[in-house]
Every structure is written in C-alpha cells, then in structure tokens.
Amino acid sequence: MAARSALSRFLEETKAKTMADVNKHLDRAKRYLEKNKVQDAIEEYQAVLDGAPGHTEALQSLGDLYTRVNNPE
C-alpha cells in the first residue's frame, strides 16, 4: 500500500513538472514570435512536443511556422 502511494505521488510530481516545462517552452516560443525569431520559436515548440507529443497548440503553431518559413510571401 505504501509503495502504491509513493508511486502515485511520484507520478503526480512528474506530471506537474512536465506541465511546468511545457508551459515554460510555450511562453518562450510566444516571446520569440513577438521578436520575429521564427527558428527559435520552432525549437521551443519542438521542446513542447518532447514533453507532450500530442500538444495541439504546439502542433498547430509548428505547422504554421513551417509554412511561413518554406513559403515566405
């Protein structure tokens, strides 16, 4: 019982840390975009996906940024 409780606490702490890291990278990406530093923003969004592979905002933003980089009209 104690082992299960310790495991549960560990998993909760790990999830909280991962979400904090994801939010940190999202904030950085947005700041880079405000400064028109597209490549840096791409790297931050990719870091988001390292921690949360299905993160919708990061996936959408990366698609938009890759389109902008490959088709800079």
Protein backbone atom coordinates (compact mmCIF):
# COMPACT_ATOMS: atom_id res chain seq x y z
CA MET A 1 0.00 0.00 0.00
CA ALA A 2 2.77 2.46 0.87
CA ALA A 3 4.58 1.60 -2.38
CA ARG A 4 1.46 2.37 -4.39
CA SER A 5 1.05 5.69 -2.61
CA ALA A 6 4.70 6.59 -3.21
CA LEU A 7 4.35 5.67 -6.87
CA SER A 8 1.20 7.75 -7.16
CA ARG A 9 2.94 10.78 -5.61
CA PHE A 10 5.92 10.30 -7.91
CA LEU A 11 3.70 10.18 -11.00
CA GLU A 12 1.79 13.29 -9.93
CA GLU A 13 5.02 15.20 -9.29
CA THR A 14 6.44 14.10 -12.64
CA LYS A 15 3.28 15.17 -14.46
CA ALA A 16 3.32 18.56 -12.73
CA LYS A 17 6.97 19.10 -13.66
CA THR A 18 6.31 18.11 -17.26
CA MET A 19 3.40 20.55 -17.49
CA ALA A 20 5.54 23.32 -15.98
CA ASP A 21 8.22 22.62 -18.58
CA VAL A 22 5.63 22.62 -21.37
CA ASN A 23 4.26 25.98 -20.22
CA LYS A 24 7.79 27.40 -19.97
CA HIS A 25 8.53 26.40 -23.57
CA LEU A 26 5.18 27.75 -24.79
CA ASP A 27 5.87 31.10 -23.16
CA ARG A 28 9.34 31.25 -24.69
CA ALA A 29 8.00 30.37 -28.14
CA LYS A 30 5.45 33.17 -27.95
CA ARG A 31 8.10 35.67 -26.86
CA TYR A 32 10.34 34.63 -29.75
CA LEU A 33 7.47 35.11 -32.18
CA GLU A 34 6.88 38.63 -30.82
CA LYS A 35 10.50 39.34 -31.78
CA ASN A 36 10.08 37.58 -35.15
CA LYS A 37 12.64 34.93 -34.16
CA VAL A 38 10.88 32.13 -36.02
CA GLN A 39 13.62 29.50 -35.81
CA ASP A 40 13.91 29.95 -32.04
CA ALA A 41 10.14 29.65 -31.70
CA ILE A 42 10.20 26.44 -33.73
CA GLU A 43 12.79 24.98 -31.37
CA GLU A 44 10.65 25.85 -28.35
CA TYR A 45 7.53 24.31 -29.87
CA GLN A 46 9.52 21.18 -30.63
CA ALA A 47 10.59 21.10 -26.97
CA VAL A 48 6.90 21.25 -26.02
CA LEU A 49 6.29 18.16 -28.14
CA ASP A 50 9.16 16.35 -26.42
CA GLY A 51 7.22 16.63 -23.16
CA ALA A 52 3.70 16.42 -24.57
CA PRO A 53 3.74 14.74 -28.01
CA GLY A 54 0.09 15.44 -28.84
CA HIS A 55 0.02 19.07 -27.68
CA THR A 56 -2.45 20.65 -30.11
CA GLU A 57 -1.27 24.26 -29.84
CA ALA A 58 2.37 23.30 -30.43
CA LEU A 59 1.47 21.08 -33.40
CA GLN A 60 -0.66 23.80 -34.99
CA SER A 61 1.92 26.50 -34.38
CA LEU A 62 4.71 24.38 -35.83
CA GLY A 63 2.66 23.74 -38.94
CA ASP A 64 2.02 27.46 -39.33
CA LEU A 65 5.68 28.33 -38.76
CA TYR A 66 7.00 25.70 -41.17
CA THR A 67 4.60 27.03 -43.78
CA ARG A 68 5.82 30.57 -43.15
CA VAL A 69 9.48 29.53 -43.40
CA ASN A 70 9.00 27.49 -46.58
CA ASN A 71 6.65 29.97 -48.25
CA PRO A 72 7.58 33.47 -47.03
CA GLU A 73 5.11 35.53 -49.09
